Structure formats: structure tokens, C-alpha cells
Amino acid sequence: MKREIVFLKLGGSLITDKTKPFTTRPTVIARLCREIAEARKAKHFELIIGNGGGSFPHGPAHKFQTHKGYLGPQSVRGFAEVQDAAARLNRIVVNALLSAGVNACSIHPSAGAIARESRIVKWDLTPLKKILELGLVPCVYGDVAIDEKRGMCILPTEEIFAFLAEELKPNRIVVAGEVDGVFAGNPNEAAAGIAPLVPEINKKNYAEVSQWLGASRAVADVTGGMLGKINKLREIAALTKNTEILVVNGLAAGRVRDALLGKSVIGTMIK
């Protein structure tokens, strides 16, 4: 039987309050973890989870300008603080998964990935693959990394997924945020129900849709904002060809569970 591999991203704005530093949404995290457990119980598939940083690493990353690389001695302190903040949030997510009955374990990109110009060029995935084979759920996260050109960099979850996708060829990637998908309008219009949902982003409509995709709200997003995230997902779609990539609303009860199971749900497909 052909193995089915699914990637799930839990967006930083979904699992944290980006207006308040180091503040999680514990009830949201707990429900999402229950949905993941339900999906795993309903169907056999291999799962890799990645979480965004939200209000945890973005503060120190912005303070030390870590995304710009090594700028001087203070950059070393920034690297340490960003890594610590990102890892703390990841452990909160993993702990919640364990409480829900999911055998999850942290995979720290900063411990193994080497980047060049903020793109991963080396990473021995042997441990991660073995963890998958054992039936465990590896949990990666947006992290820092050593960069061969810049000295250091930030690796968004989408960049990590891109590297993993080229090697593992997932059947499906589910990106869970706090809205139904991508809208043809600004965030305020989307929240008010004025802007229409874009059911699919493809070559034909990308230029039009991209004008509405700006930086994330509330906390300065050093990972490129929504436009950067969508561009990376489009890159993954081009790289893997047959991988379904769907952006969904993680605040809607049951939607992440159904998306993991491959059911038809409201969202935006990336092609």
C-alpha cells in the first residue's frame, strides 16, 4: 500500500495572540490537537506538523534584525533569544499533542539545517525519516539557522516544508490560519465579509491576488508576511507537482481534522 504523507502547518497567528508577546491561545491549541488525534484515529497516514512563531520569536527577531543575518556581536544574542522563543512555543504545541494522545516529538531545524541566503541547502533527514517510520509525529517549527552567506538567518515554516517536500513528496499540505483562506481584498474587508474568498490561486490569477497580500498584522513579521508565505507555497506546488496545498481556517471547529483526512472543506487551494 502506498504511504500517504501529510504536512500540517499551525500558523503563528492561529496559536498565539500576535498582539501580546509570548501569549498562546491554549483553548485553540488544545482543540486543534484533539482534531489531529481524531484524524489519526480515523485514517492511517504519516504526519509532519510545523508551527509558526507568532508572538514568541517575532519580537526578539525584530529587535535584533536576525532576518538580516550577522550584523555584529549583538546578533549572537539575537540568535540565542529567537531560538529559545521559537523552541518554547514548539514545546507547548508538542505537550498539547501528547496530552491529546498524539505521539509527537520536536525536531529542531537549528540543530541540523544549514542555509544559504535563507534557503536550506543541507539537512540530514535520516532521524526524521526514522521517526516517521516508527509512527511518531515529527514537529518542526519556524527557527533560526546557520547561514553560509549571512552568518545566520530565520527559516520560516514554509521554507522548512519546501525542503522536506522535495525529499518526502507529501500528498497533501494543510496550512491552518485564522481566516477561511486568501481573500481578494484587504484584511479588514475580509473580516467584515466584504471581500470574496479566492478558492484557488494559480498562474492565471496570481498577479491579481498578490496585490492584496501584504505583511501580517499586529507584530512585525520578519518572515515575509502573507505574500512571502503564499509565494513559498506556490514554489512547493511547482516543485512537487501532485501535492495538494490548502489554506484553511483553523478557528473553524473540525476543519483541520477534515482537511487532514482529505475531505472537501472551505479554503484556498494553491496551484
C-alpha atoms as a PDB file:
ATOM      1  CA  MET A   1       0.000   0.000   0.000  1.00  0.00           C
ATOM      2  CA  LYS A   2       1.369   3.413  -0.982  1.00  0.00           C
ATOM      3  CA  ARG A   3       2.200   5.551   2.033  1.00  0.00           C
ATOM      4  CA  GLU A   4       0.273   8.769   2.475  1.00  0.00           C
ATOM      5  CA  ILE A   5       2.199  11.730   3.866  1.00  0.00           C
ATOM      6  CA  VAL A   6       0.540  14.923   5.077  1.00  0.00           C
ATOM      7  CA  PHE A   7       2.152  18.150   6.272  1.00  0.00           C
ATOM      8  CA  LEU A   8       0.209  20.442   8.608  1.00  0.00           C
ATOM      9  CA  LYS A   9       1.202  23.983   9.457  1.00  0.00           C
ATOM     10  CA  LEU A  10      -0.325  25.611  12.532  1.00  0.00           C
ATOM     11  CA  GLY A  11       0.035  29.318  11.827  1.00  0.00           C
ATOM     12  CA  GLY A  12       1.584  31.584  14.422  1.00  0.00           C
ATOM     13  CA  SER A  13      -1.407  33.928  14.334  1.00  0.00           C
ATOM     14  CA  LEU A  14      -3.681  30.933  14.959  1.00  0.00           C
ATOM     15  CA  ILE A  15      -1.961  29.501  18.019  1.00  0.00           C
ATOM     16  CA  THR A  16      -0.739  32.754  19.594  1.00  0.00           C
ATOM     17  CA  ASP A  17      -2.080  36.242  20.191  1.00  0.00           C
ATOM     18  CA  LYS A  18       0.237  38.269  17.965  1.00  0.00           C
ATOM     19  CA  THR A  19      -0.729  41.497  19.745  1.00  0.00           C
ATOM     20  CA  LYS A  20       0.720  40.217  23.047  1.00  0.00           C
ATOM     21  CA  PRO A  21       4.308  38.929  23.316  1.00  0.00           C
ATOM     22  CA  PHE A  22       4.702  35.293  24.407  1.00  0.00           C
ATOM     23  CA  THR A  23       0.954  34.697  24.634  1.00  0.00           C
ATOM     24  CA  THR A  24      -0.618  31.465  23.398  1.00  0.00           C
ATOM     25  CA  ARG A  25      -4.227  30.553  22.658  1.00  0.00           C
ATOM     26  CA  PRO A  26      -4.418  27.438  24.855  1.00  0.00           C
ATOM     27  CA  THR A  27      -8.041  26.523  24.071  1.00  0.00           C
ATOM     28  CA  VAL A  28      -7.391  26.795  20.327  1.00  0.00           C
ATOM     29  CA  ILE A  29      -4.221  24.708  20.592  1.00  0.00           C
ATOM     30  CA  ALA A  30      -5.993  22.034  22.660  1.00  0.00           C
ATOM     31  CA  ARG A  31      -8.884  21.759  20.175  1.00  0.00           C
ATOM     32  CA  LEU A  32      -6.546  21.568  17.181  1.00  0.00           C
ATOM     33  CA  CYS A  33      -4.576  18.797  18.862  1.00  0.00           C
ATOM     34  CA  ARG A  34      -7.797  16.878  19.535  1.00  0.00           C
ATOM     35  CA  GLU A  35      -8.721  17.221  15.842  1.00  0.00           C
ATOM     36  CA  ILE A  36      -5.298  15.939  14.824  1.00  0.00           C
ATOM     37  CA  ALA A  37      -5.757  12.952  17.159  1.00  0.00           C
ATOM     38  CA  GLU A  38      -9.219  12.282  15.702  1.00  0.00           C
ATOM     39  CA  ALA A  39      -7.866  12.357  12.143  1.00  0.00           C
ATOM     40  CA  ARG A  40      -5.038   9.998  13.031  1.00  0.00           C
ATOM     41  CA  LYS A  41      -7.512   7.612  14.638  1.00  0.00           C
ATOM     42  CA  ALA A  42      -9.866   7.714  11.649  1.00  0.00           C
ATOM     43  CA  LYS A  43      -7.239   7.081   8.965  1.00  0.00           C
ATOM     44  CA  HIS A  44      -3.647   5.886   8.716  1.00  0.00           C
ATOM     45  CA  PHE A  45      -1.276   8.485   7.301  1.00  0.00           C
ATOM     46  CA  GLU A  46       2.159   9.812   8.132  1.00  0.00           C
ATOM     47  CA  LEU A  47       2.080  13.322   9.521  1.00  0.00           C
ATOM     48  CA  ILE A  48       4.600  16.100   9.944  1.00  0.00           C
ATOM     49  CA  ILE A  49       3.473  19.171  11.865  1.00  0.00           C
ATOM     50  CA  GLY A  50       5.121  22.578  11.656  1.00  0.00           C
ATOM     51  CA  ASN A  51       4.161  25.592  13.731  1.00  0.00           C
ATOM     52  CA  GLY A  52       4.736  29.261  13.091  1.00  0.00           C
ATOM     53  CA  GLY A  53       6.267  31.514  15.719  1.00  0.00           C
ATOM     54  CA  GLY A  54       3.533  34.096  16.240  1.00  0.00           C
ATOM     55  CA  SER A  55       4.135  36.335  19.228  1.00  0.00           C
ATOM     56  CA  PHE A  56       7.077  34.267  20.526  1.00  0.00           C
ATOM     57  CA  PRO A  57      10.153  34.695  18.282  1.00  0.00           C
ATOM     58  CA  HIS A  58       8.995  37.651  16.175  1.00  0.00           C
ATOM     59  CA  GLY A  59       9.673  40.167  18.951  1.00  0.00           C
ATOM     60  CA  PRO A  60      13.348  39.309  19.520  1.00  0.00           C
ATOM     61  CA  ALA A  61      13.830  38.660  15.779  1.00  0.00           C
ATOM     62  CA  HIS A  62      12.643  42.183  15.007  1.00  0.00           C
ATOM     63  CA  LYS A  63      14.671  43.684  17.869  1.00  0.00           C
ATOM     64  CA  PHE A  64      17.937  42.093  16.739  1.00  0.00           C
ATOM     65  CA  GLN A  65      17.103  42.113  12.987  1.00  0.00           C
ATOM     66  CA  THR A  66      18.003  38.434  12.854  1.00  0.00           C
ATOM     67  CA  HIS A  67      16.494  38.073   9.376  1.00  0.00           C
ATOM     68  CA  LYS A  68      19.265  40.345   8.054  1.00  0.00           C
ATOM     69  CA  GLY A  69      22.000  37.960   9.157  1.00  0.00           C
ATOM     70  CA  TYR A  70      25.054  38.613  11.298  1.00  0.00           C
ATOM     71  CA  LEU A  71      25.294  42.380  11.836  1.00  0.00           C
ATOM     72  CA  GLY A  72      27.665  42.387  14.815  1.00  0.00           C
ATOM     73  CA  PRO A  73      28.189  40.926  18.299  1.00  0.00           C
ATOM     74  CA  GLN A  74      24.581  41.584  19.337  1.00  0.00           C
ATOM     75  CA  SER A  75      23.388  39.308  16.536  1.00  0.00           C
ATOM     76  CA  VAL A  76      24.711  36.361  18.518  1.00  0.00           C
ATOM     77  CA  ARG A  77      22.442  37.283  21.423  1.00  0.00           C
ATOM     78  CA  GLY A  78      19.579  37.665  18.967  1.00  0.00           C
ATOM     79  CA  PHE A  79      20.177  34.207  17.514  1.00  0.00           C
ATOM     80  CA  ALA A  80      20.019  32.720  21.015  1.00  0.00           C
ATOM     81  CA  GLU A  81      16.871  34.613  22.058  1.00  0.00           C
ATOM     82  CA  VAL A  82      14.989  33.841  18.834  1.00  0.00           C
ATOM     83  CA  GLN A  83      15.896  30.153  19.023  1.00  0.00           C
ATOM     84  CA  ASP A  84      14.801  29.977  22.654  1.00  0.00           C
ATOM     85  CA  ALA A  85      11.467  31.707  21.980  1.00  0.00           C
ATOM     86  CA  ALA A  86      10.680  29.538  18.944  1.00  0.00           C
ATOM     87  CA  ALA A  87      11.579  26.344  20.780  1.00  0.00           C
ATOM     88  CA  ARG A  88       9.426  27.300  23.779  1.00  0.00           C
ATOM     89  CA  LEU A  89       6.332  27.640  21.612  1.00  0.00           C
ATOM     90  CA  ASN A  90       7.098  24.375  19.853  1.00  0.00           C
ATOM     91  CA  ARG A  91       7.305  22.569  23.195  1.00  0.00           C
ATOM     92  CA  ILE A  92       3.905  23.988  24.171  1.00  0.00           C
ATOM     93  CA  VAL A  93       2.436  22.578  20.947  1.00  0.00           C
ATOM     94  CA  VAL A  94       4.135  19.201  21.418  1.00  0.00           C
ATOM     95  CA  ASN A  95       2.961  18.988  25.035  1.00  0.00           C
ATOM     96  CA  ALA A  96      -0.625  19.672  23.913  1.00  0.00           C
ATOM     97  CA  LEU A  97      -0.330  16.971  21.235  1.00  0.00           C
ATOM     98  CA  LEU A  98       0.926  14.479  23.812  1.00  0.00           C
ATOM     99  CA  SER A  99      -1.995  15.371  26.084  1.00  0.00           C
ATOM    100  CA  ALA A 100      -4.358  14.656  23.176  1.00  0.00           C
ATOM    101  CA  GLY A 101      -2.815  11.219  22.683  1.00  0.00           C
ATOM    102  CA  VAL A 102      -0.594  12.047  19.680  1.00  0.00           C
ATOM    103  CA  ASN A 103       2.950  10.637  19.873  1.00  0.00           C
ATOM    104  CA  ALA A 104       4.660  13.856  18.853  1.00  0.00           C
ATOM    105  CA  CYS A 105       8.285  14.887  19.200  1.00  0.00           C
ATOM    106  CA  SER A 106      10.200  18.085  18.482  1.00  0.00           C
ATOM    107  CA  ILE A 107      12.576  18.335  15.546  1.00  0.00           C
ATOM    108  CA  HIS A 108      14.796  21.416  15.901  1.00  0.00           C
ATOM    109  CA  PRO A 109      15.820  22.802  12.482  1.00  0.00           C
ATOM    110  CA  SER A 110      18.542  24.982  14.058  1.00  0.00           C
ATOM    111  CA  ALA A 111      20.285  21.819  15.267  1.00  0.00           C
ATOM    112  CA  GLY A 112      20.790  20.384  11.782  1.00  0.00           C
ATOM    113  CA  ALA A 113      19.797  22.625   8.876  1.00  0.00           C
ATOM    114  CA  ILE A 114      22.385  24.748   7.042  1.00  0.00           C
ATOM    115  CA  ALA A 115      21.125  27.597   4.873  1.00  0.00           C
ATOM    116  CA  ARG A 116      22.478  29.852   2.143  1.00  0.00           C
ATOM    117  CA  GLU A 117      20.697  33.174   1.615  1.00  0.00           C
ATOM    118  CA  SER A 118      17.886  31.952   3.924  1.00  0.00           C
ATOM    119  CA  ARG A 119      17.259  28.784   1.931  1.00  0.00           C
ATOM    120  CA  ILE A 120      18.084  25.352   3.323  1.00  0.00           C
ATOM    121  CA  VAL A 121      20.900  23.676   1.393  1.00  0.00           C
ATOM    122  CA  LYS A 122      21.918  20.879   3.798  1.00  0.00           C
ATOM    123  CA  TRP A 123      19.953  18.882   6.343  1.00  0.00           C
ATOM    124  CA  ASP A 124      20.353  15.205   7.189  1.00  0.00           C
ATOM    125  CA  LEU A 125      16.780  13.960   7.377  1.00  0.00           C
ATOM    126  CA  THR A 126      17.672  10.414   8.433  1.00  0.00           C
ATOM    127  CA  PRO A 127      16.462  10.870  12.054  1.00  0.00           C
ATOM    128  CA  LEU A 128      13.210  12.497  10.910  1.00  0.00           C
ATOM    129  CA  LYS A 129      12.525   9.681   8.441  1.00  0.00           C
ATOM    130  CA  LYS A 130      13.193   7.042  11.102  1.00  0.00           C
ATOM    131  CA  ILE A 131      10.863   8.864  13.489  1.00  0.00           C
ATOM    132  CA  LEU A 132       8.148   8.765  10.804  1.00  0.00           C
ATOM    133  CA  GLU A 133       8.728   5.054  10.240  1.00  0.00           C
ATOM    134  CA  LEU A 134       8.179   4.409  13.953  1.00  0.00           C
ATOM    135  CA  GLY A 135       4.742   6.035  13.713  1.00  0.00           C
ATOM    136  CA  LEU A 136       5.713   9.175  15.601  1.00  0.00           C
ATOM    137  CA  VAL A 137       4.711  12.688  14.518  1.00  0.00           C
ATOM    138  CA  PRO A 138       7.739  14.957  13.955  1.00  0.00           C
ATOM    139  CA  CYS A 139       7.052  18.579  14.878  1.00  0.00           C
ATOM    140  CA  VAL A 140       9.236  21.188  13.202  1.00  0.00           C
ATOM    141  CA  TYR A 141       8.863  24.934  13.593  1.00  0.00           C
ATOM    142  CA  GLY A 142       9.992  28.292  12.241  1.00  0.00           C
ATOM    143  CA  ASP A 143      13.518  28.623  13.605  1.00  0.00           C
ATOM    144  CA  VAL A 144      16.928  30.216  13.143  1.00  0.00           C
ATOM    145  CA  ALA A 145      19.793  28.549  11.298  1.00  0.00           C
ATOM    146  CA  ILE A 146      23.431  28.980  10.402  1.00  0.00           C
ATOM    147  CA  ASP A 147      23.673  30.657   7.003  1.00  0.00           C
ATOM    148  CA  GLU A 148      26.756  30.138   4.816  1.00  0.00           C
ATOM    149  CA  LYS A 149      26.464  33.654   3.332  1.00  0.00           C
ATOM    150  CA  ARG A 150      24.819  35.766   6.048  1.00  0.00           C
ATOM    151  CA  GLY A 151      26.157  34.001   9.108  1.00  0.00           C
ATOM    152  CA  MET A 152      22.651  33.369  10.399  1.00  0.00           C
ATOM    153  CA  CYS A 153      19.086  33.580   9.175  1.00  0.00           C
ATOM    154  CA  ILE A 154      15.475  32.851  10.004  1.00  0.00           C
ATOM    155  CA  LEU A 155      13.835  29.777   8.499  1.00  0.00           C
ATOM    156  CA  PRO A 156      10.046  30.189   8.210  1.00  0.00           C
ATOM    157  CA  THR A 157       7.962  27.031   8.443  1.00  0.00           C
ATOM    158  CA  GLU A 158       7.192  27.297   4.725  1.00  0.00           C
ATOM    159  CA  GLU A 159      10.912  27.139   3.853  1.00  0.00           C
ATOM    160  CA  ILE A 160      11.276  24.084   6.082  1.00  0.00           C
ATOM    161  CA  PHE A 161       8.264  22.475   4.414  1.00  0.00           C
ATOM    162  CA  ALA A 162       9.733  23.250   0.976  1.00  0.00           C
ATOM    163  CA  PHE A 163      12.927  21.355   1.792  1.00  0.00           C
ATOM    164  CA  LEU A 164      11.025  18.458   3.345  1.00  0.00           C
ATOM    165  CA  ALA A 165       8.535  18.334   0.470  1.00  0.00           C
ATOM    166  CA  GLU A 166      11.256  17.917  -2.152  1.00  0.00           C
ATOM    167  CA  GLU A 167      12.561  14.884  -0.282  1.00  0.00           C
ATOM    168  CA  LEU A 168       9.323  13.322   1.039  1.00  0.00           C
ATOM    169  CA  LYS A 169       6.789  14.284  -1.671  1.00  0.00           C
ATOM    170  CA  PRO A 170       3.743  14.757   0.597  1.00  0.00           C
ATOM    171  CA  ASN A 171       0.281  14.005  -0.759  1.00  0.00           C
ATOM    172  CA  ARG A 172      -1.204  16.988   0.975  1.00  0.00           C
ATOM    173  CA  ILE A 173      -0.143  20.157   2.799  1.00  0.00           C
ATOM    174  CA  VAL A 174      -2.693  21.847   5.055  1.00  0.00           C
ATOM    175  CA  VAL A 175      -1.939  25.400   6.187  1.00  0.00           C
ATOM    176  CA  ALA A 176      -4.178  26.434   9.085  1.00  0.00           C
ATOM    177  CA  GLY A 177      -4.613  30.137   9.812  1.00  0.00           C
ATOM    178  CA  GLU A 178      -7.297  32.242  11.434  1.00  0.00           C
ATOM    179  CA  VAL A 179      -9.392  33.006   8.326  1.00  0.00           C
ATOM    180  CA  ASP A 180     -11.046  30.829   5.679  1.00  0.00           C
ATOM    181  CA  GLY A 181      -8.213  31.245   3.171  1.00  0.00           C
ATOM    182  CA  VAL A 182      -6.964  34.012   0.895  1.00  0.00           C
ATOM    183  CA  PHE A 183      -9.322  36.864   0.090  1.00  0.00           C
ATOM    184  CA  ALA A 184      -9.495  39.262  -2.841  1.00  0.00           C
ATOM    185  CA  GLY A 185      -9.419  42.275  -0.534  1.00  0.00           C
ATOM    186  CA  ASN A 186      -7.589  43.712   2.455  1.00  0.00           C
ATOM    187  CA  PRO A 187      -7.770  42.010   5.891  1.00  0.00           C
ATOM    188  CA  ASN A 188     -10.422  44.416   7.196  1.00  0.00           C
ATOM    189  CA  GLU A 189     -12.702  43.745   4.229  1.00  0.00           C
ATOM    190  CA  ALA A 190     -12.157  40.012   4.652  1.00  0.00           C
ATOM    191  CA  ALA A 191     -13.060  40.198   8.355  1.00  0.00           C
ATOM    192  CA  ALA A 192     -16.201  42.175   7.501  1.00  0.00           C
ATOM    193  CA  GLY A 193     -17.263  39.599   4.930  1.00  0.00           C
ATOM    194  CA  ILE A 194     -16.961  42.069   2.056  1.00  0.00           C
ATOM    195  CA  ALA A 195     -14.014  40.557   0.199  1.00  0.00           C
ATOM    196  CA  PRO A 196     -14.692  37.271  -1.621  1.00  0.00           C
ATOM    197  CA  LEU A 197     -12.724  34.124  -0.820  1.00  0.00           C
ATOM    198  CA  VAL A 198     -10.311  33.061  -3.557  1.00  0.00           C
ATOM    199  CA  PRO A 199     -10.959  29.303  -3.990  1.00  0.00           C
ATOM    200  CA  GLU A 200      -7.745  28.741  -5.947  1.00  0.00           C
ATOM    201  CA  ILE A 201      -4.513  30.608  -6.579  1.00  0.00           C
ATOM    202  CA  ASN A 202      -2.948  29.664  -9.891  1.00  0.00           C
ATOM    203  CA  LYS A 203      -0.832  31.138 -12.675  1.00  0.00           C
ATOM    204  CA  LYS A 204      -3.779  32.955 -14.213  1.00  0.00           C
ATOM    205  CA  ASN A 205      -4.957  34.881 -11.152  1.00  0.00           C
ATOM    206  CA  TYR A 206      -1.760  35.203  -9.107  1.00  0.00           C
ATOM    207  CA  ALA A 207      -0.883  38.730 -10.285  1.00  0.00           C
ATOM    208  CA  GLU A 208      -4.337  39.976  -9.307  1.00  0.00           C
ATOM    209  CA  VAL A 209      -4.469  38.169  -5.971  1.00  0.00           C
ATOM    210  CA  SER A 210      -0.929  39.132  -4.946  1.00  0.00           C
ATOM    211  CA  GLN A 211      -1.844  42.818  -4.727  1.00  0.00           C
ATOM    212  CA  TRP A 212      -3.979  42.038  -1.665  1.00  0.00           C
ATOM    213  CA  LEU A 213      -1.338  40.015   0.084  1.00  0.00           C
ATOM    214  CA  GLY A 214       0.622  42.238   2.438  1.00  0.00           C
ATOM    215  CA  ALA A 215       2.583  41.796   5.625  1.00  0.00           C
ATOM    216  CA  SER A 216       0.930  40.157   8.635  1.00  0.00           C
ATOM    217  CA  ARG A 217      -0.844  42.393  11.108  1.00  0.00           C
ATOM    218  CA  ALA A 218      -0.033  43.299  14.717  1.00  0.00           C
ATOM    219  CA  VAL A 219       3.577  42.109  15.104  1.00  0.00           C
ATOM    220  CA  ALA A 220       6.238  42.920  12.527  1.00  0.00           C
ATOM    221  CA  ASP A 221       6.539  39.698  10.544  1.00  0.00           C
ATOM    222  CA  VAL A 222      10.196  39.092   9.726  1.00  0.00           C
ATOM    223  CA  THR A 223       9.311  36.021   7.653  1.00  0.00           C
ATOM    224  CA  GLY A 224       7.874  37.972   4.738  1.00  0.00           C
ATOM    225  CA  GLY A 225       4.206  38.287   5.641  1.00  0.00           C
ATOM    226  CA  MET A 226       1.353  36.567   3.832  1.00  0.00           C
ATOM    227  CA  LEU A 227       2.718  37.292   0.363  1.00  0.00           C
ATOM    228  CA  GLY A 228       6.012  35.604   1.208  1.00  0.00           C
ATOM    229  CA  LYS A 229       4.182  32.589   2.618  1.00  0.00           C
ATOM    230  CA  ILE A 230       1.962  32.193  -0.450  1.00  0.00           C
ATOM    231  CA  ASN A 231       4.966  32.556  -2.766  1.00  0.00           C
ATOM    232  CA  LYS A 232       6.769  29.769  -0.913  1.00  0.00           C
ATOM    233  CA  LEU A 233       3.662  27.552  -1.095  1.00  0.00           C
ATOM    234  CA  ARG A 234       3.478  28.198  -4.854  1.00  0.00           C
ATOM    235  CA  GLU A 235       7.119  27.186  -5.076  1.00  0.00           C
ATOM    236  CA  ILE A 236       6.331  23.933  -3.268  1.00  0.00           C
ATOM    237  CA  ALA A 237       3.390  23.316  -5.611  1.00  0.00           C
ATOM    238  CA  ALA A 238       5.652  23.760  -8.639  1.00  0.00           C
ATOM    239  CA  LEU A 239       8.326  21.542  -7.092  1.00  0.00           C
ATOM    240  CA  THR A 240       6.145  18.603  -6.086  1.00  0.00           C
ATOM    241  CA  LYS A 241       3.558  18.770  -8.905  1.00  0.00           C
ATOM    242  CA  ASN A 242       0.982  16.399  -7.363  1.00  0.00           C
ATOM    243  CA  THR A 243       0.860  17.763  -3.808  1.00  0.00           C
ATOM    244  CA  GLU A 244      -2.455  19.308  -2.764  1.00  0.00           C
ATOM    245  CA  ILE A 245      -1.878  22.554  -0.843  1.00  0.00           C
ATOM    246  CA  LEU A 246      -4.828  24.019   1.018  1.00  0.00           C
ATOM    247  CA  VAL A 247      -5.085  27.109   3.232  1.00  0.00           C
ATOM    248  CA  VAL A 248      -7.908  26.715   5.775  1.00  0.00           C
ATOM    249  CA  ASN A 249      -9.409  28.337   8.847  1.00  0.00           C
ATOM    250  CA  GLY A 250      -8.097  26.667  11.997  1.00  0.00           C
ATOM    251  CA  LEU A 251     -10.597  28.569  14.135  1.00  0.00           C
ATOM    252  CA  ALA A 252     -13.493  26.733  12.451  1.00  0.00           C
ATOM    253  CA  ALA A 253     -14.146  23.604  14.504  1.00  0.00           C
ATOM    254  CA  GLY A 254     -13.483  20.386  12.623  1.00  0.00           C
ATOM    255  CA  ARG A 255     -11.936  21.987   9.557  1.00  0.00           C
ATOM    256  CA  VAL A 256      -8.339  20.965  10.231  1.00  0.00           C
ATOM    257  CA  ARG A 257      -9.465  17.422  11.010  1.00  0.00           C
ATOM    258  CA  ASP A 258     -11.451  17.168   7.776  1.00  0.00           C
ATOM    259  CA  ALA A 259      -8.653  18.739   5.719  1.00  0.00           C
ATOM    260  CA  LEU A 260      -6.159  16.216   7.118  1.00  0.00           C
ATOM    261  CA  LEU A 261      -8.492  13.427   6.041  1.00  0.00           C
ATOM    262  CA  GLY A 262      -8.713  14.831   2.519  1.00  0.00           C
ATOM    263  CA  LYS A 263     -12.345  15.838   2.776  1.00  0.00           C
ATOM    264  CA  SER A 264     -13.729  18.808   0.852  1.00  0.00           C
ATOM    265  CA  VAL A 265     -13.526  21.919   3.041  1.00  0.00           C
ATOM    266  CA  ILE A 266     -13.758  25.678   2.648  1.00  0.00           C
ATOM    267  CA  GLY A 267     -10.348  27.136   1.865  1.00  0.00           C
ATOM    268  CA  THR A 268      -7.923  28.303  -0.817  1.00  0.00           C
ATOM    269  CA  MET A 269      -6.100  25.777  -2.978  1.00  0.00           C
ATOM    270  CA  ILE A 270      -2.571  26.706  -4.101  1.00  0.00           C
ATOM    271  CA  LYS A 271      -1.563  25.503  -7.570  1.00  0.00           C
END
